[in-house]
Amino acid sequence: MIEFKIKTKKHKTSKKTEAQSIQCVDSWTEVTVKHWQELSNHHDSLDMIRVFSVFTGLDYDMLMNSPDGELTNQISKSLNWFYEADENYLTDLDLPSHVIHNGIAIPIPTNLGAKTIGQKLILSKYLENKDLSYSDLIPVALSVYLEPEYRRTKLELDTGKSHLEFTDEQIRSVQFNWERGEPFIEECMGLKLVEAYPVARFFLTS
C-alpha cells in the first residue's frame, strides 16, 4: 500500500475540505477479489477516479466533487502501476498449489472429477444465471471448491491429525455443505487476486 495525504470533502454533502491520510493499493499483489469485482462491475464507467475510489475505499461522488488542486496529479501517480500493467497479466498467471486465507494454506483441488455431485450442481446453477458476470462468479467458484478444503485443512491443523485419521463425525464436518459454503463467498472476496484468479478460472473452465 502507498500512503499519502489528500484534501477532500469529508462527506458528499460537506462544504469544507480537509486533509486526510489514505492508503491506496499500489501493486497487483495487493488487489483483492472484491477490488476486481468492483472494477469489473463498473467496466463501462471505469475512469481514473472510479479506480482510485475502489483502491482506497473513498466515495466516488465525494471525490468527483472535491476541489482539484494537486488531487488529479496525486491520483494519477498512485495509479501508474495499474495503467502500465500488461493487459494479459491475469490470464498469464499460473495455477498456484494453494491460496492463503486466515493464515492457512488451502490446497487447490485439481481433480474436480473426484469432487462431489453437489459441488458441480451448485456451480452449474450459478453459471446458468445470466444476470451474473464473470467477476460475480469468481468468488462463488472459489467458495464451492475451496470451503471444504479450508475446513479440512483447519481441522488437520487444530487436531494434529491427517484427514485419513478423522472420525466419522469429523469427516461429516468437513464434507461439502452449501449452507456452510455460501457464506464463505464473502470471505473469498478478501483473497488476493493473483492467487484467486487463476484458481477460479480453472474451476470455471474445467
N, C-alpha and C. Protein backbone atom coordinates (compact mmCIF):
# COMPACT_ATOMS: atom_id res chain seq x y z
N MET A 1 0.84 -1.19 0.00
CA MET A 1 0.00 0.00 0.00
C MET A 1 0.87 1.24 0.00
N ILE A 2 0.41 2.25 -0.72
CA ILE A 2 1.07 3.55 -0.67
C ILE A 2 0.20 4.47 0.18
N GLU A 3 0.81 5.23 1.05
CA GLU A 3 0.06 6.13 1.93
C GLU A 3 0.45 7.57 1.65
N PHE A 4 -0.54 8.43 1.53
CA PHE A 4 -0.27 9.86 1.34
C PHE A 4 -1.49 10.66 1.79
N LYS A 5 -1.34 11.96 1.82
CA LYS A 5 -2.42 12.83 2.27
C LYS A 5 -3.03 13.57 1.08
N ILE A 6 -4.35 13.67 1.10
CA ILE A 6 -5.05 14.45 0.08
C ILE A 6 -6.11 15.30 0.76
N LYS A 7 -6.52 16.35 0.07
CA LYS A 7 -7.59 17.20 0.58
C LYS A 7 -8.88 16.85 -0.16
N THR A 8 -9.84 16.38 0.58
CA THR A 8 -11.14 16.04 0.00
C THR A 8 -12.24 16.48 0.97
N LYS A 9 -13.46 16.43 0.49
CA LYS A 9 -14.59 16.65 1.38
C LYS A 9 -14.74 15.43 2.27
N LYS A 10 -15.14 15.67 3.52
CA LYS A 10 -15.30 14.56 4.45
C LYS A 10 -16.52 13.73 4.09
N HIS A 11 -17.57 14.41 3.62
CA HIS A 11 -18.79 13.74 3.19
C HIS A 11 -19.21 14.30 1.84
N LYS A 12 -20.08 13.59 1.14
CA LYS A 12 -20.54 14.03 -0.17
C LYS A 12 -21.19 15.40 -0.11
N THR A 13 -21.92 15.68 0.97
CA THR A 13 -22.67 16.94 1.08
C THR A 13 -21.92 18.02 1.84
N SER A 14 -20.71 17.70 2.29
CA SER A 14 -19.94 18.66 3.07
C SER A 14 -19.44 19.81 2.19
N LYS A 15 -19.38 21.01 2.77
CA LYS A 15 -18.87 22.17 2.05
C LYS A 15 -17.37 22.37 2.29
N LYS A 16 -16.89 21.85 3.38
CA LYS A 16 -15.50 22.04 3.75
C LYS A 16 -14.64 20.86 3.30
N THR A 17 -13.39 21.17 2.98
CA THR A 17 -12.43 20.11 2.66
C THR A 17 -11.48 19.95 3.83
N GLU A 18 -10.90 18.80 3.92
CA GLU A 18 -9.93 18.56 4.99
C GLU A 18 -8.88 17.59 4.49
N ALA A 19 -7.69 17.70 5.04
CA ALA A 19 -6.60 16.80 4.68
C ALA A 19 -6.79 15.48 5.42
N GLN A 20 -6.67 14.40 4.70
CA GLN A 20 -6.76 13.11 5.35
C GLN A 20 -5.72 12.16 4.77
N SER A 21 -5.22 11.30 5.65
CA SER A 21 -4.23 10.32 5.23
C SER A 21 -4.96 9.10 4.72
N ILE A 22 -4.61 8.65 3.53
CA ILE A 22 -5.27 7.49 2.94
C ILE A 22 -4.24 6.49 2.45
N GLN A 23 -4.70 5.27 2.26
CA GLN A 23 -3.87 4.22 1.70
C GLN A 23 -4.48 3.77 0.38
N CYS A 24 -3.63 3.55 -0.60
CA CYS A 24 -4.09 3.13 -1.92
C CYS A 24 -3.30 1.90 -2.37
N VAL A 25 -4.02 0.94 -2.91
CA VAL A 25 -3.37 -0.24 -3.49
C VAL A 25 -2.33 0.22 -4.52
N ASP A 26 -1.13 -0.34 -4.48
CA ASP A 26 -0.11 0.11 -5.43
C ASP A 26 0.59 -1.02 -6.16
N SER A 27 -0.03 -2.21 -6.17
CA SER A 27 0.52 -3.32 -6.95
C SER A 27 -0.54 -4.40 -7.09
N TRP A 28 -0.36 -5.27 -8.08
CA TRP A 28 -1.30 -6.36 -8.29
C TRP A 28 -1.36 -7.29 -7.10
N THR A 29 -0.27 -7.42 -6.36
CA THR A 29 -0.24 -8.36 -5.24
C THR A 29 -1.15 -7.91 -4.10
N GLU A 30 -1.61 -6.66 -4.13
CA GLU A 30 -2.49 -6.15 -3.08
C GLU A 30 -3.96 -6.10 -3.52
N VAL A 31 -4.22 -6.35 -4.78
CA VAL A 31 -5.59 -6.31 -5.28
C VAL A 31 -6.33 -7.56 -4.81
N THR A 32 -7.54 -7.37 -4.28
CA THR A 32 -8.34 -8.49 -3.81
C THR A 32 -9.42 -8.84 -4.84
N VAL A 33 -10.08 -9.97 -4.61
CA VAL A 33 -11.20 -10.37 -5.46
C VAL A 33 -12.29 -9.29 -5.42
N LYS A 34 -12.51 -8.71 -4.24
CA LYS A 34 -13.52 -7.66 -4.11
C LYS A 34 -13.16 -6.45 -4.96
N HIS A 35 -11.91 -6.03 -4.92
CA HIS A 35 -11.47 -4.92 -5.76
C HIS A 35 -11.78 -5.21 -7.23
N TRP A 36 -11.41 -6.40 -7.67
CA TRP A 36 -11.58 -6.76 -9.08
C TRP A 36 -13.05 -6.79 -9.47
N GLN A 37 -13.89 -7.31 -8.58
CA GLN A 37 -15.32 -7.36 -8.86
C GLN A 37 -15.89 -5.94 -9.00
N GLU A 38 -15.47 -5.04 -8.14
CA GLU A 38 -15.95 -3.67 -8.22
C GLU A 38 -15.49 -2.99 -9.51
N LEU A 39 -14.25 -3.22 -9.89
CA LEU A 39 -13.75 -2.65 -11.14
C LEU A 39 -14.51 -3.21 -12.34
N SER A 40 -14.73 -4.51 -12.32
CA SER A 40 -15.42 -5.16 -13.44
C SER A 40 -16.87 -4.72 -13.55
N ASN A 41 -17.53 -4.54 -12.42
CA ASN A 41 -18.93 -4.14 -12.43
C ASN A 41 -19.13 -2.69 -12.84
N HIS A 42 -18.03 -1.91 -12.86
CA HIS A 42 -18.09 -0.52 -13.34
C HIS A 42 -17.32 -0.38 -14.66
N HIS A 43 -17.23 -1.48 -15.39
CA HIS A 43 -16.41 -1.50 -16.61
C HIS A 43 -16.77 -0.39 -17.59
N ASP A 44 -18.06 -0.09 -17.71
CA ASP A 44 -18.50 0.92 -18.68
C ASP A 44 -18.24 2.35 -18.21
N SER A 45 -17.93 2.51 -16.94
CA SER A 45 -17.67 3.87 -16.42
C SER A 45 -16.40 3.88 -15.58
N LEU A 46 -15.40 3.14 -16.07
CA LEU A 46 -14.18 2.97 -15.28
C LEU A 46 -13.17 4.07 -15.57
N ASP A 47 -13.46 5.26 -15.07
CA ASP A 47 -12.50 6.35 -15.22
C ASP A 47 -11.48 6.29 -14.08
N MET A 48 -10.51 7.18 -14.12
CA MET A 48 -9.43 7.17 -13.15
C MET A 48 -9.94 7.36 -11.72
N ILE A 49 -10.95 8.19 -11.56
CA ILE A 49 -11.48 8.46 -10.22
C ILE A 49 -12.17 7.21 -9.68
N ARG A 50 -12.85 6.47 -10.56
CA ARG A 50 -13.51 5.24 -10.11
C ARG A 50 -12.48 4.22 -9.64
N VAL A 51 -11.40 4.07 -10.39
CA VAL A 51 -10.34 3.13 -10.00
C VAL A 51 -9.75 3.53 -8.65
N PHE A 52 -9.49 4.83 -8.49
CA PHE A 52 -8.94 5.33 -7.24
C PHE A 52 -9.91 5.09 -6.09
N SER A 53 -11.19 5.29 -6.34
CA SER A 53 -12.21 5.05 -5.32
C SER A 53 -12.19 3.60 -4.87
N VAL A 54 -12.10 2.68 -5.82
CA VAL A 54 -12.08 1.25 -5.49
C VAL A 54 -10.84 0.90 -4.69
N PHE A 55 -9.69 1.43 -5.07
CA PHE A 55 -8.44 1.06 -4.43
C PHE A 55 -8.18 1.77 -3.11
N THR A 56 -9.00 2.77 -2.77
CA THR A 56 -8.84 3.48 -1.49
C THR A 56 -10.05 3.31 -0.58
N GLY A 57 -11.19 2.97 -1.16
CA GLY A 57 -12.41 2.90 -0.37
C GLY A 57 -13.09 4.24 -0.20
N LEU A 58 -12.57 5.28 -0.84
CA LEU A 58 -13.18 6.61 -0.76
C LEU A 58 -14.39 6.69 -1.69
N ASP A 59 -15.40 7.43 -1.27
CA ASP A 59 -16.62 7.54 -2.05
C ASP A 59 -16.37 8.23 -3.39
N TYR A 60 -16.88 7.62 -4.46
CA TYR A 60 -16.66 8.15 -5.81
C TYR A 60 -17.23 9.55 -5.98
N ASP A 61 -18.49 9.75 -5.59
CA ASP A 61 -19.13 11.06 -5.75
C ASP A 61 -18.43 12.13 -4.94
N MET A 62 -17.97 11.75 -3.74
CA MET A 62 -17.24 12.71 -2.92
C MET A 62 -15.95 13.13 -3.60
N LEU A 63 -15.24 12.18 -4.20
CA LEU A 63 -14.01 12.50 -4.91
C LEU A 63 -14.28 13.40 -6.12
N MET A 64 -15.34 13.09 -6.86
CA MET A 64 -15.68 13.87 -8.04
C MET A 64 -16.02 15.31 -7.70
N ASN A 65 -16.49 15.56 -6.49
CA ASN A 65 -16.89 16.90 -6.08
C ASN A 65 -15.87 17.58 -5.18
N SER A 66 -14.68 17.00 -5.08
CA SER A 66 -13.62 17.62 -4.31
C SER A 66 -12.84 18.59 -5.20
N PRO A 67 -12.31 19.69 -4.63
CA PRO A 67 -11.52 20.63 -5.43
C PRO A 67 -10.27 19.93 -5.97
N ASP A 68 -9.87 20.33 -7.17
CA ASP A 68 -8.79 19.64 -7.83
C ASP A 68 -7.45 19.88 -7.15
N GLY A 69 -6.92 21.10 -7.26
CA GLY A 69 -5.60 21.36 -6.69
C GLY A 69 -4.60 20.36 -7.23
N GLU A 70 -3.93 19.64 -6.36
CA GLU A 70 -2.97 18.61 -6.76
C GLU A 70 -3.58 17.22 -6.76
N LEU A 71 -4.90 17.15 -6.51
CA LEU A 71 -5.55 15.84 -6.36
C LEU A 71 -5.41 14.98 -7.61
N THR A 72 -5.65 15.57 -8.78
CA THR A 72 -5.56 14.80 -10.02
C THR A 72 -4.17 14.22 -10.21
N ASN A 73 -3.14 15.03 -9.96
CA ASN A 73 -1.76 14.55 -10.11
C ASN A 73 -1.45 13.43 -9.13
N GLN A 74 -1.93 13.59 -7.89
CA GLN A 74 -1.68 12.56 -6.88
C GLN A 74 -2.36 11.25 -7.26
N ILE A 75 -3.58 11.35 -7.74
CA ILE A 75 -4.32 10.16 -8.13
C ILE A 75 -3.62 9.48 -9.31
N SER A 76 -3.24 10.28 -10.29
CA SER A 76 -2.58 9.75 -11.48
C SER A 76 -1.30 9.00 -11.12
N LYS A 77 -0.48 9.60 -10.25
CA LYS A 77 0.78 8.97 -9.86
C LYS A 77 0.54 7.66 -9.12
N SER A 78 -0.50 7.64 -8.27
CA SER A 78 -0.75 6.44 -7.46
C SER A 78 -1.28 5.28 -8.29
N LEU A 79 -1.78 5.58 -9.50
CA LEU A 79 -2.36 4.53 -10.34
C LEU A 79 -1.51 4.18 -11.56
N ASN A 80 -0.31 4.73 -11.64
CA ASN A 80 0.57 4.44 -12.78
C ASN A 80 0.75 2.94 -12.99
N TRP A 81 0.97 2.21 -11.91
CA TRP A 81 1.20 0.77 -11.99
C TRP A 81 0.02 0.05 -12.65
N PHE A 82 -1.19 0.52 -12.38
CA PHE A 82 -2.39 -0.13 -12.90
C PHE A 82 -2.53 0.08 -14.40
N TYR A 83 -2.31 1.31 -14.84
CA TYR A 83 -2.47 1.63 -16.26
C TYR A 83 -1.29 1.17 -17.11
N GLU A 84 -0.15 0.93 -16.47
CA GLU A 84 1.02 0.48 -17.22
C GLU A 84 1.15 -1.05 -17.23
N ALA A 85 0.25 -1.73 -16.54
CA ALA A 85 0.33 -3.19 -16.44
C ALA A 85 0.03 -3.86 -17.77
N ASP A 86 0.64 -5.01 -17.99
CA ASP A 86 0.36 -5.82 -19.18
C ASP A 86 -1.10 -6.25 -19.15
N GLU A 87 -1.81 -6.06 -20.25
CA GLU A 87 -3.23 -6.39 -20.28
C GLU A 87 -3.49 -7.89 -20.12
N ASN A 88 -2.46 -8.70 -20.34
CA ASN A 88 -2.60 -10.15 -20.18
C ASN A 88 -2.09 -10.64 -18.84
N TYR A 89 -1.84 -9.71 -17.92
CA TYR A 89 -1.22 -10.07 -16.65
C TYR A 89 -1.99 -11.19 -15.93
N LEU A 90 -3.29 -11.04 -15.79
CA LEU A 90 -4.07 -12.02 -15.03
C LEU A 90 -4.18 -13.36 -15.75
N THR A 91 -4.40 -13.31 -17.05
CA THR A 91 -4.58 -14.56 -17.80
C THR A 91 -3.28 -15.34 -17.94
N ASP A 92 -2.15 -14.68 -17.73
CA ASP A 92 -0.85 -15.35 -17.83
C ASP A 92 -0.41 -15.98 -16.50
N LEU A 93 -1.17 -15.77 -15.44
CA LEU A 93 -0.80 -16.30 -14.13
C LEU A 93 -0.94 -17.83 -14.11
N ASP A 94 0.02 -18.50 -13.52
CA ASP A 94 -0.02 -19.95 -13.40
C ASP A 94 -0.93 -20.36 -12.23
N LEU A 95 -1.49 -21.55 -12.32
CA LEU A 95 -2.32 -22.08 -11.25
C LEU A 95 -1.44 -22.37 -10.03
N PRO A 96 -1.71 -21.73 -8.89
CA PRO A 96 -0.89 -21.99 -7.70
C PRO A 96 -1.27 -23.30 -7.04
N SER A 97 -0.44 -23.77 -6.15
CA SER A 97 -0.73 -25.02 -5.44
C SER A 97 -1.67 -24.79 -4.26
N HIS A 98 -1.78 -23.51 -3.82
CA HIS A 98 -2.63 -23.19 -2.69
C HIS A 98 -2.95 -21.69 -2.68
N VAL A 99 -3.93 -21.32 -1.90
CA VAL A 99 -4.20 -19.90 -1.63
C VAL A 99 -4.21 -19.73 -0.11
N ILE A 100 -3.90 -18.52 0.34
CA ILE A 100 -3.82 -18.25 1.76
C ILE A 100 -5.08 -17.57 2.25
N HIS A 101 -5.69 -18.10 3.32
CA HIS A 101 -6.84 -17.47 3.95
C HIS A 101 -6.72 -17.66 5.45
N ASN A 102 -6.78 -16.57 6.19
CA ASN A 102 -6.64 -16.60 7.66
C ASN A 102 -5.37 -17.33 8.09
N GLY A 103 -4.31 -17.14 7.31
CA GLY A 103 -3.03 -17.75 7.65
C GLY A 103 -2.95 -19.23 7.33
N ILE A 104 -3.97 -19.77 6.69
CA ILE A 104 -4.00 -21.19 6.35
C ILE A 104 -3.83 -21.37 4.85
N ALA A 105 -2.91 -22.25 4.46
CA ALA A 105 -2.68 -22.54 3.04
C ALA A 105 -3.72 -23.57 2.59
N ILE A 106 -4.68 -23.12 1.78
CA ILE A 106 -5.73 -24.02 1.31
C ILE A 106 -5.25 -24.69 0.02
N PRO A 107 -5.13 -26.01 0.02
CA PRO A 107 -4.66 -26.70 -1.20
C PRO A 107 -5.70 -26.61 -2.31
N ILE A 108 -5.24 -26.50 -3.54
CA ILE A 108 -6.15 -26.39 -4.69
C ILE A 108 -6.48 -27.79 -5.21
N PRO A 109 -7.76 -28.16 -5.19
CA PRO A 109 -8.14 -29.46 -5.77
C PRO A 109 -8.09 -29.39 -7.29
N THR A 110 -7.23 -30.16 -7.89
CA THR A 110 -7.08 -30.11 -9.35
C THR A 110 -7.84 -31.22 -10.07
N ASN A 111 -8.22 -32.25 -9.34
CA ASN A 111 -9.01 -33.34 -9.92
C ASN A 111 -10.47 -33.11 -9.56
N LEU A 112 -11.14 -32.25 -10.31
CA LEU A 112 -12.52 -31.91 -9.98
C LEU A 112 -13.46 -33.09 -10.19
N GLY A 113 -13.04 -34.06 -10.99
CA GLY A 113 -13.84 -35.25 -11.18
C GLY A 113 -14.00 -36.06 -9.90
N ALA A 114 -13.08 -35.85 -8.96
CA ALA A 114 -13.14 -36.56 -7.69
C ALA A 114 -13.96 -35.81 -6.65
N LYS A 115 -14.42 -34.62 -7.01
CA LYS A 115 -15.24 -33.83 -6.09
C LYS A 115 -16.70 -34.26 -6.19
N THR A 116 -17.57 -33.65 -5.42
CA THR A 116 -18.93 -34.16 -5.29
C THR A 116 -19.88 -33.67 -6.38
N ILE A 117 -20.95 -34.43 -6.55
CA ILE A 117 -22.01 -34.02 -7.48
C ILE A 117 -22.61 -32.69 -7.03
N GLY A 118 -22.75 -32.54 -5.72
CA GLY A 118 -23.33 -31.31 -5.18
C GLY A 118 -22.54 -30.08 -5.57
N GLN A 119 -21.22 -30.17 -5.51
CA GLN A 119 -20.38 -29.03 -5.89
C GLN A 119 -20.59 -28.67 -7.36
N LYS A 120 -20.63 -29.70 -8.21
CA LYS A 120 -20.82 -29.47 -9.64
C LYS A 120 -22.19 -28.84 -9.91
N LEU A 121 -23.23 -29.35 -9.24
CA LEU A 121 -24.58 -28.84 -9.47
C LEU A 121 -24.74 -27.40 -8.98
N ILE A 122 -24.16 -27.10 -7.83
CA ILE A 122 -24.27 -25.74 -7.30
C ILE A 122 -23.59 -24.74 -8.23
N LEU A 123 -22.39 -25.07 -8.69
CA LEU A 123 -21.69 -24.16 -9.58
C LEU A 123 -22.43 -24.04 -10.92
N SER A 124 -22.97 -25.14 -11.41
CA SER A 124 -23.73 -25.09 -12.66
C SER A 124 -24.94 -24.17 -12.53
N LYS A 125 -25.58 -24.20 -11.38
CA LYS A 125 -26.74 -23.35 -11.12
C LYS A 125 -26.37 -21.88 -11.25
N TYR A 126 -25.22 -21.50 -10.69
CA TYR A 126 -24.77 -20.11 -10.78
C TYR A 126 -24.35 -19.76 -12.20
N LEU A 127 -23.73 -20.70 -12.88
CA LEU A 127 -23.29 -20.45 -14.26
C LEU A 127 -24.47 -20.21 -15.19
N GLU A 128 -25.62 -20.81 -14.87
CA GLU A 128 -26.80 -20.65 -15.70
C GLU A 128 -27.52 -19.32 -15.45
N ASN A 129 -27.12 -18.62 -14.40
CA ASN A 129 -27.74 -17.33 -14.07
C ASN A 129 -27.14 -16.25 -14.97
N LYS A 130 -27.90 -15.81 -15.96
CA LYS A 130 -27.41 -14.85 -16.95
C LYS A 130 -27.20 -13.45 -16.36
N ASP A 131 -27.72 -13.23 -15.15
CA ASP A 131 -27.56 -11.91 -14.53
C ASP A 131 -26.20 -11.76 -13.85
N LEU A 132 -25.47 -12.85 -13.75
CA LEU A 132 -24.17 -12.81 -13.08
C LEU A 132 -23.05 -12.64 -14.09
N SER A 133 -22.14 -11.73 -13.80
CA SER A 133 -20.98 -11.53 -14.67
C SER A 133 -19.88 -12.52 -14.27
N TYR A 134 -18.83 -12.58 -15.09
CA TYR A 134 -17.71 -13.47 -14.79
C TYR A 134 -17.08 -13.12 -13.44
N SER A 135 -16.98 -11.81 -13.16
CA SER A 135 -16.38 -11.40 -11.89
C SER A 135 -17.27 -11.79 -10.71
N ASP A 136 -18.59 -11.85 -10.92
CA ASP A 136 -19.50 -12.30 -9.86
C ASP A 136 -19.31 -13.79 -9.58
N LEU A 137 -18.97 -14.55 -10.61
CA LEU A 137 -18.83 -16.00 -10.48
C LEU A 137 -17.52 -16.41 -9.81
N ILE A 138 -16.53 -15.54 -9.84
CA ILE A 138 -15.22 -15.89 -9.28
C ILE A 138 -15.31 -16.29 -7.81
N PRO A 139 -15.87 -15.46 -6.91
CA PRO A 139 -15.92 -15.87 -5.50
C PRO A 139 -16.83 -17.07 -5.27
N VAL A 140 -17.85 -17.25 -6.12
CA VAL A 140 -18.74 -18.41 -5.99
C VAL A 140 -17.97 -19.69 -6.27
N ALA A 141 -17.24 -19.71 -7.40
CA ALA A 141 -16.46 -20.90 -7.76
C ALA A 141 -15.42 -21.21 -6.69
N LEU A 142 -14.81 -20.17 -6.16
CA LEU A 142 -13.80 -20.37 -5.12
C LEU A 142 -14.44 -20.99 -3.88
N SER A 143 -15.60 -20.48 -3.50
CA SER A 143 -16.27 -20.99 -2.30
C SER A 143 -16.72 -22.44 -2.47
N VAL A 144 -17.27 -22.76 -3.64
CA VAL A 144 -17.77 -24.12 -3.89
C VAL A 144 -16.67 -25.16 -3.67
N TYR A 145 -15.48 -24.88 -4.19
CA TYR A 145 -14.42 -25.89 -4.14
C TYR A 145 -13.39 -25.69 -3.02
N LEU A 146 -13.27 -24.47 -2.50
CA LEU A 146 -12.23 -24.25 -1.50
C LEU A 146 -12.73 -24.32 -0.07
N GLU A 147 -14.03 -24.05 0.15
CA GLU A 147 -14.52 -24.03 1.53
C GLU A 147 -14.35 -25.37 2.24
N PRO A 148 -14.68 -26.50 1.59
CA PRO A 148 -14.43 -27.79 2.27
C PRO A 148 -12.94 -28.05 2.50
N GLU A 149 -12.11 -27.61 1.54
CA GLU A 149 -10.67 -27.79 1.69
C GLU A 149 -10.14 -26.95 2.86
N TYR A 150 -10.71 -25.77 3.02
CA TYR A 150 -10.30 -24.90 4.12
C TYR A 150 -10.66 -25.54 5.47
N ARG A 151 -11.90 -26.04 5.58
CA ARG A 151 -12.32 -26.65 6.83
C ARG A 151 -11.50 -27.91 7.14
N ARG A 152 -11.23 -28.71 6.11
CA ARG A 152 -10.44 -29.92 6.32
C ARG A 152 -9.02 -29.58 6.79
N THR A 153 -8.39 -28.63 6.09
CA THR A 153 -7.02 -28.24 6.45
C THR A 153 -6.96 -27.64 7.85
N LYS A 154 -7.96 -26.82 8.17
CA LYS A 154 -8.00 -26.20 9.51
C LYS A 154 -8.17 -27.27 10.58
N LEU A 155 -9.03 -28.26 10.33
CA LEU A 155 -9.23 -29.32 11.32
C LEU A 155 -7.97 -30.17 11.47
N GLU A 156 -7.25 -30.39 10.37
CA GLU A 156 -5.98 -31.12 10.47
C GLU A 156 -5.00 -30.36 11.35
N LEU A 157 -4.94 -29.05 11.17
CA LEU A 157 -4.03 -28.24 11.98
C LEU A 157 -4.46 -28.19 13.44
N ASP A 158 -5.78 -28.09 13.65
CA ASP A 158 -6.31 -28.00 15.02
C ASP A 158 -6.13 -29.30 15.79
N THR A 159 -6.26 -30.42 15.10
CA THR A 159 -6.21 -31.72 15.78
C THR A 159 -4.84 -32.39 15.70
N GLY A 160 -4.01 -31.91 14.75
CA GLY A 160 -2.72 -32.55 14.56
C GLY A 160 -2.83 -33.90 13.89
N LYS A 161 -4.00 -34.16 13.26
CA LYS A 161 -4.24 -35.45 12.59
C LYS A 161 -4.42 -35.24 11.09
N SER A 162 -4.05 -36.26 10.31
CA SER A 162 -4.34 -36.26 8.89
C SER A 162 -5.83 -36.53 8.71
N HIS A 163 -6.39 -36.05 7.59
CA HIS A 163 -7.81 -36.30 7.34
C HIS A 163 -8.09 -37.80 7.21
N LEU A 164 -7.06 -38.59 6.91
CA LEU A 164 -7.23 -40.05 6.83
C LEU A 164 -7.48 -40.65 8.21
N GLU A 165 -7.17 -39.89 9.26
CA GLU A 165 -7.37 -40.36 10.63
C GLU A 165 -8.62 -39.78 11.27
N PHE A 166 -9.40 -39.00 10.53
CA PHE A 166 -10.59 -38.36 11.08
C PHE A 166 -11.63 -39.41 11.48
N THR A 167 -12.38 -39.07 12.52
CA THR A 167 -13.54 -39.89 12.90
C THR A 167 -14.66 -39.64 11.90
N ASP A 168 -15.69 -40.48 11.96
CA ASP A 168 -16.83 -40.29 11.06
C ASP A 168 -17.46 -38.92 11.26
N GLU A 169 -17.54 -38.48 12.51
CA GLU A 169 -18.13 -37.17 12.79
C GLU A 169 -17.27 -36.06 12.19
N GLN A 170 -15.96 -36.19 12.31
CA GLN A 170 -15.06 -35.17 11.75
C GLN A 170 -15.14 -35.17 10.23
N ILE A 171 -15.27 -36.33 9.62
CA ILE A 171 -15.41 -36.41 8.16
C ILE A 171 -16.66 -35.68 7.71
N ARG A 172 -17.77 -35.91 8.42
CA ARG A 172 -19.02 -35.23 8.08
C ARG A 172 -18.90 -33.72 8.22
N SER A 173 -18.09 -33.29 9.19
CA SER A 173 -17.97 -31.85 9.46
C SER A 173 -17.18 -31.11 8.38
N VAL A 174 -16.44 -31.83 7.55
CA VAL A 174 -15.64 -31.17 6.51
C VAL A 174 -16.15 -31.51 5.10
N GLN A 175 -17.25 -32.24 5.02
CA GLN A 175 -17.83 -32.54 3.72
C GLN A 175 -18.51 -31.31 3.14
N PHE A 176 -18.71 -31.31 1.82
CA PHE A 176 -19.36 -30.19 1.15
C PHE A 176 -20.78 -30.01 1.66
N ASN A 177 -21.09 -28.80 2.06
CA ASN A 177 -22.43 -28.43 2.52
C ASN A 177 -22.63 -26.97 2.14
N TRP A 178 -23.52 -26.69 1.20
CA TRP A 178 -23.65 -25.33 0.69
C TRP A 178 -24.19 -24.35 1.72
N GLU A 179 -24.86 -24.85 2.76
CA GLU A 179 -25.29 -23.96 3.84
C GLU A 179 -24.07 -23.37 4.55
N ARG A 180 -23.00 -24.13 4.60
CA ARG A 180 -21.75 -23.61 5.16
C ARG A 180 -20.93 -22.91 4.09
N GLY A 181 -21.06 -23.40 2.85
CA GLY A 181 -20.23 -22.87 1.78
C GLY A 181 -20.65 -21.51 1.28
N GLU A 182 -21.96 -21.26 1.20
CA GLU A 182 -22.42 -19.99 0.63
C GLU A 182 -21.92 -18.77 1.40
N PRO A 183 -21.95 -18.77 2.75
CA PRO A 183 -21.40 -17.60 3.47
C PRO A 183 -19.91 -17.38 3.22
N PHE A 184 -19.21 -18.45 2.79
CA PHE A 184 -17.78 -18.35 2.53
C PHE A 184 -17.48 -17.50 1.30
N ILE A 185 -18.50 -17.26 0.48
CA ILE A 185 -18.34 -16.39 -0.69
C ILE A 185 -17.78 -15.04 -0.26
N GLU A 186 -18.33 -14.50 0.83
CA GLU A 186 -17.87 -13.19 1.31
C GLU A 186 -16.42 -13.24 1.74
N GLU A 187 -16.00 -14.34 2.34
CA GLU A 187 -14.60 -14.46 2.75
C GLU A 187 -13.68 -14.56 1.53
N CYS A 188 -14.17 -15.19 0.47
CA CYS A 188 -13.37 -15.29 -0.75
C CYS A 188 -13.15 -13.94 -1.40
N MET A 189 -14.01 -12.96 -1.11
CA MET A 189 -13.84 -11.62 -1.66
C MET A 189 -12.53 -10.98 -1.17
N GLY A 190 -12.04 -11.42 -0.02
CA GLY A 190 -10.82 -10.85 0.52
C GLY A 190 -9.55 -11.55 0.07
N LEU A 191 -9.68 -12.61 -0.73
CA LEU A 191 -8.48 -13.32 -1.21
C LEU A 191 -7.70 -12.46 -2.19
N LYS A 192 -6.39 -12.65 -2.22
CA LYS A 192 -5.55 -11.92 -3.16
C LYS A 192 -5.86 -12.38 -4.59
N LEU A 193 -6.07 -11.44 -5.47
CA LEU A 193 -6.48 -11.75 -6.84
C LEU A 193 -5.43 -12.57 -7.57
N VAL A 194 -4.15 -12.31 -7.33
CA VAL A 194 -3.09 -13.02 -8.06
C VAL A 194 -3.10 -14.52 -7.73
N GLU A 195 -3.65 -14.89 -6.56
CA GLU A 195 -3.79 -16.30 -6.22
C GLU A 195 -5.15 -16.81 -6.67
N ALA A 196 -6.18 -16.00 -6.43
CA ALA A 196 -7.56 -16.45 -6.64
C ALA A 196 -7.97 -16.51 -8.11
N TYR A 197 -7.49 -15.58 -8.92
CA TYR A 197 -7.96 -15.51 -10.31
C TYR A 197 -7.65 -16.77 -11.11
N PRO A 198 -6.41 -17.25 -11.13
CA PRO A 198 -6.13 -18.47 -11.91
C PRO A 198 -6.85 -19.70 -11.35
N VAL A 199 -7.09 -19.71 -10.04
CA VAL A 199 -7.81 -20.83 -9.43
C VAL A 199 -9.27 -20.82 -9.88
N ALA A 200 -9.91 -19.65 -9.79
CA ALA A 200 -11.31 -19.52 -10.20
C ALA A 200 -11.46 -19.82 -11.69
N ARG A 201 -10.52 -19.36 -12.50
CA ARG A 201 -10.58 -19.62 -13.94
C ARG A 201 -10.51 -21.12 -14.21
N PHE A 202 -9.67 -21.81 -13.45
CA PHE A 202 -9.55 -23.27 -13.58
C PHE A 202 -10.89 -23.94 -13.22
N PHE A 203 -11.48 -23.53 -12.11
CA PHE A 203 -12.75 -24.12 -11.68
C PHE A 203 -13.86 -23.85 -12.68
N LEU A 204 -13.88 -22.65 -13.25
CA LEU A 204 -14.98 -22.25 -14.13
C LEU A 204 -14.84 -22.83 -15.54
N THR A 205 -13.64 -23.25 -15.90
CA THR A 205 -13.44 -23.75 -17.27
C THR A 205 -13.22 -25.26 -17.32
N SER A 206 -13.09 -25.88 -16.16
CA SER A 206 -12.84 -27.34 -16.14
C SER A 206 -14.14 -28.11 -16.30
